[in-house]
C-alpha atoms as a PDB file:
ATOM      1  CA  MET A   1      88.538  27.505  82.127  1.00  0.00           C
ATOM      2  CA  ARG A   2      92.160  28.246  82.919  1.00  0.00           C
ATOM      3  CA  GLU A   3      95.042  27.292  80.658  1.00  0.00           C
ATOM      4  CA  ARG A   4      96.596  25.332  83.523  1.00  0.00           C
ATOM      5  CA  ILE A   5      93.583  22.969  83.624  1.00  0.00           C
ATOM      6  CA  ILE A   6      93.906  22.298  79.893  1.00  0.00           C
ATOM      7  CA  GLU A   7      97.644  21.746  80.336  1.00  0.00           C
ATOM      8  CA  ARG A   8      97.134  19.180  83.121  1.00  0.00           C
ATOM      9  CA  TYR A   9      94.566  17.387  80.979  1.00  0.00           C
ATOM     10  CA  LEU A  10      97.035  17.159  78.079  1.00  0.00           C
ATOM     11  CA  VAL A  11      99.729  15.701  80.357  1.00  0.00           C
ATOM     12  CA  LYS A  12      97.255  13.133  81.748  1.00  0.00           C
ATOM     13  CA  ARG A  13      95.949  12.066  78.332  1.00  0.00           C
ATOM     14  CA  VAL A  14      99.433  11.743  76.808  1.00  0.00           C
ATOM     15  CA  LYS A  15     100.545   9.607  79.757  1.00  0.00           C
ATOM     16  CA  GLU A  16      97.463   7.377  79.334  1.00  0.00           C
ATOM     17  CA  ILE A  17      98.586   6.413  75.819  1.00  0.00           C
ATOM     18  CA  GLY A  18     102.203   5.829  76.841  1.00  0.00           C
ATOM     19  CA  GLY A  19     103.768   9.141  75.913  1.00  0.00           C
ATOM     20  CA  VAL A  20     105.712  11.820  77.717  1.00  0.00           C
ATOM     21  CA  CYS A  21     104.619  15.455  77.802  1.00  0.00           C
ATOM     22  CA  LYS A  22     107.401  17.827  78.850  1.00  0.00           C
ATOM     23  CA  LYS A  23     107.153  21.522  79.607  1.00  0.00           C
ATOM     24  CA  ASN A  24     109.556  23.733  77.710  1.00  0.00           C
ATOM     25  CA  PRO A  25     111.914  25.318  80.234  1.00  0.00           C
ATOM     26  CA  PRO A  26     111.574  29.059  80.831  1.00  0.00           C
ATOM     27  CA  THR A  27     115.079  29.572  79.424  1.00  0.00           C
ATOM     28  CA  TYR A  28     113.790  28.912  75.899  1.00  0.00           C
ATOM     29  CA  GLU A  29     113.373  31.843  73.574  1.00  0.00           C
ATOM     30  CA  SER A  30     110.064  33.662  73.750  1.00  0.00           C
ATOM     31  CA  GLY A  31     107.295  32.240  71.612  1.00  0.00           C
ATOM     32  CA  TRP A  32     108.161  28.558  71.939  1.00  0.00           C
ATOM     33  CA  PRO A  33     105.221  26.175  72.543  1.00  0.00           C
ATOM     34  CA  ASP A  34     104.297  25.318  76.131  1.00  0.00           C
ATOM     35  CA  ARG A  35     104.645  21.561  75.799  1.00  0.00           C
ATOM     36  CA  VAL A  36     106.525  18.960  73.789  1.00  0.00           C
ATOM     37  CA  VAL A  37     104.944  15.511  73.405  1.00  0.00           C
ATOM     38  CA  TYR A  38     107.151  12.484  72.734  1.00  0.00           C
ATOM     39  CA  ILE A  39     105.516   9.209  71.761  1.00  0.00           C
ATOM     40  CA  GLY A  40     106.152   6.332  69.368  1.00  0.00           C
ATOM     41  CA  GLY A  41     109.207   7.989  67.827  1.00  0.00           C
ATOM     42  CA  PHE A  42     107.287  11.201  67.111  1.00  0.00           C
ATOM     43  CA  THR A  43     107.607  14.711  68.517  1.00  0.00           C
ATOM     44  CA  PHE A  44     104.696  17.147  68.724  1.00  0.00           C
ATOM     45  CA  PHE A  45     104.854  20.788  69.830  1.00  0.00           C
ATOM     46  CA  VAL A  46     101.729  22.100  71.548  1.00  0.00           C
ATOM     47  CA  GLU A  47     100.874  25.685  72.453  1.00  0.00           C
ATOM     48  CA  LEU A  48      98.054  25.701  74.986  1.00  0.00           C
ATOM     49  CA  LYS A  49      95.568  28.513  75.503  1.00  0.00           C
ATOM     50  CA  ARG A  50      92.330  29.160  77.363  1.00  0.00           C
ATOM     51  CA  PRO A  51      89.182  28.478  75.330  1.00  0.00           C
ATOM     52  CA  GLY A  52      88.857  30.981  72.510  1.00  0.00           C
ATOM     53  CA  GLU A  53      92.326  32.444  73.020  1.00  0.00           C
ATOM     54  CA  THR A  54      94.790  32.394  70.143  1.00  0.00           C
ATOM     55  CA  PRO A  55      98.602  32.356  70.095  1.00  0.00           C
ATOM     56  CA  SER A  56     100.422  35.670  70.119  1.00  0.00           C
ATOM     57  CA  LYS A  57     101.949  36.871  66.869  1.00  0.00           C
ATOM     58  CA  LEU A  58     105.375  35.559  67.928  1.00  0.00           C
ATOM     59  CA  GLN A  59     103.933  32.199  69.015  1.00  0.00           C
ATOM     60  CA  ALA A  60     102.133  31.860  65.664  1.00  0.00           C
ATOM     61  CA  ILE A  61     105.414  32.533  63.838  1.00  0.00           C
ATOM     62  CA  VAL A  62     107.262  29.921  65.930  1.00  0.00           C
ATOM     63  CA  LEU A  63     104.522  27.323  65.297  1.00  0.00           C
ATOM     64  CA  GLN A  64     104.685  28.084  61.569  1.00  0.00           C
ATOM     65  CA  ASP A  65     108.496  27.793  61.577  1.00  0.00           C
ATOM     66  CA  LEU A  66     108.330  24.435  63.372  1.00  0.00           C
ATOM     67  CA  ARG A  67     105.805  23.149  60.812  1.00  0.00           C
ATOM     68  CA  ARG A  68     108.036  24.389  57.994  1.00  0.00           C
ATOM     69  CA  LEU A  69     110.838  22.303  59.513  1.00  0.00           C
ATOM     70  CA  GLY A  70     108.607  19.221  59.342  1.00  0.00           C
ATOM     71  CA  PHE A  71     107.355  19.088  62.940  1.00  0.00           C
ATOM     72  CA  ASP A  72     103.771  18.748  64.025  1.00  0.00           C
ATOM     73  CA  ALA A  73     103.180  22.028  65.871  1.00  0.00           C
ATOM     74  CA  ARG A  74      99.730  23.133  66.923  1.00  0.00           C
ATOM     75  CA  HIS A  75      97.616  25.316  69.178  1.00  0.00           C
ATOM     76  CA  ILE A  76      94.980  23.695  71.400  1.00  0.00           C
ATOM     77  CA  ASP A  77      92.455  25.631  73.504  1.00  0.00           C
ATOM     78  CA  SER A  78      90.067  23.013  74.933  1.00  0.00           C
ATOM     79  CA  LYS A  79      89.764  19.533  76.401  1.00  0.00           C
ATOM     80  CA  GLU A  80      87.900  18.537  73.235  1.00  0.00           C
ATOM     81  CA  GLY A  81      90.848  19.743  71.203  1.00  0.00           C
ATOM     82  CA  ILE A  82      93.154  17.609  73.323  1.00  0.00           C
ATOM     83  CA  ASP A  83      90.898  14.586  72.860  1.00  0.00           C
ATOM     84  CA  ALA A  84      91.005  15.102  69.067  1.00  0.00           C
ATOM     85  CA  PHE A  85      94.801  15.481  69.226  1.00  0.00           C
ATOM     86  CA  ILE A  86      95.107  12.216  71.207  1.00  0.00           C
ATOM     87  CA  GLU A  87      92.982  10.363  68.643  1.00  0.00           C
ATOM     88  CA  TYR A  88      95.193  11.758  65.855  1.00  0.00           C
ATOM     89  CA  VAL A  89      98.357  10.659  67.688  1.00  0.00           C
ATOM     90  CA  LYS A  90      96.937   7.169  68.245  1.00  0.00           C
ATOM     91  CA  LYS A  91      96.230   6.841  64.498  1.00  0.00           C
ATOM     92  CA  ILE A  92      99.720   8.025  63.559  1.00  0.00           C
ATOM     93  CA  ILE A  93     101.312   5.550  65.957  1.00  0.00           C
ATOM     94  CA  SER A  94      99.165   2.631  64.778  1.00  0.00           C
ATOM     95  CA  ILE A  95      99.848   3.404  61.102  1.00  0.00           C
ATOM     96  CA  ASN A  96     103.574   3.623  61.794  1.00  0.00           C
ATOM     97  CA  SER A  97     103.596   0.269  63.608  1.00  0.00           C
ATOM     98  CA  ILE A  98     102.279  -1.670  60.571  1.00  0.00           C
END
């Protein structure tokens, strides 16, 4: 499965739950995650890969730095991973709305 298919699926699923999924522009520094998800007052950084592929060393460092700064930054490599991410986001939003 190509990364582009996983990326389209993420965009579709985020839109279904009322969020926005933006692509980082190519002018960003190397290593930045592919997508940024905005929903319910939260921001998530997502690096997408083909199944079984892992982030490059630089991408892993950027994800770690974003997490250190308090952001949710993750790597997803499958539609199942996206589905799990969407369920997590839905829980976070519902907990925050109480």
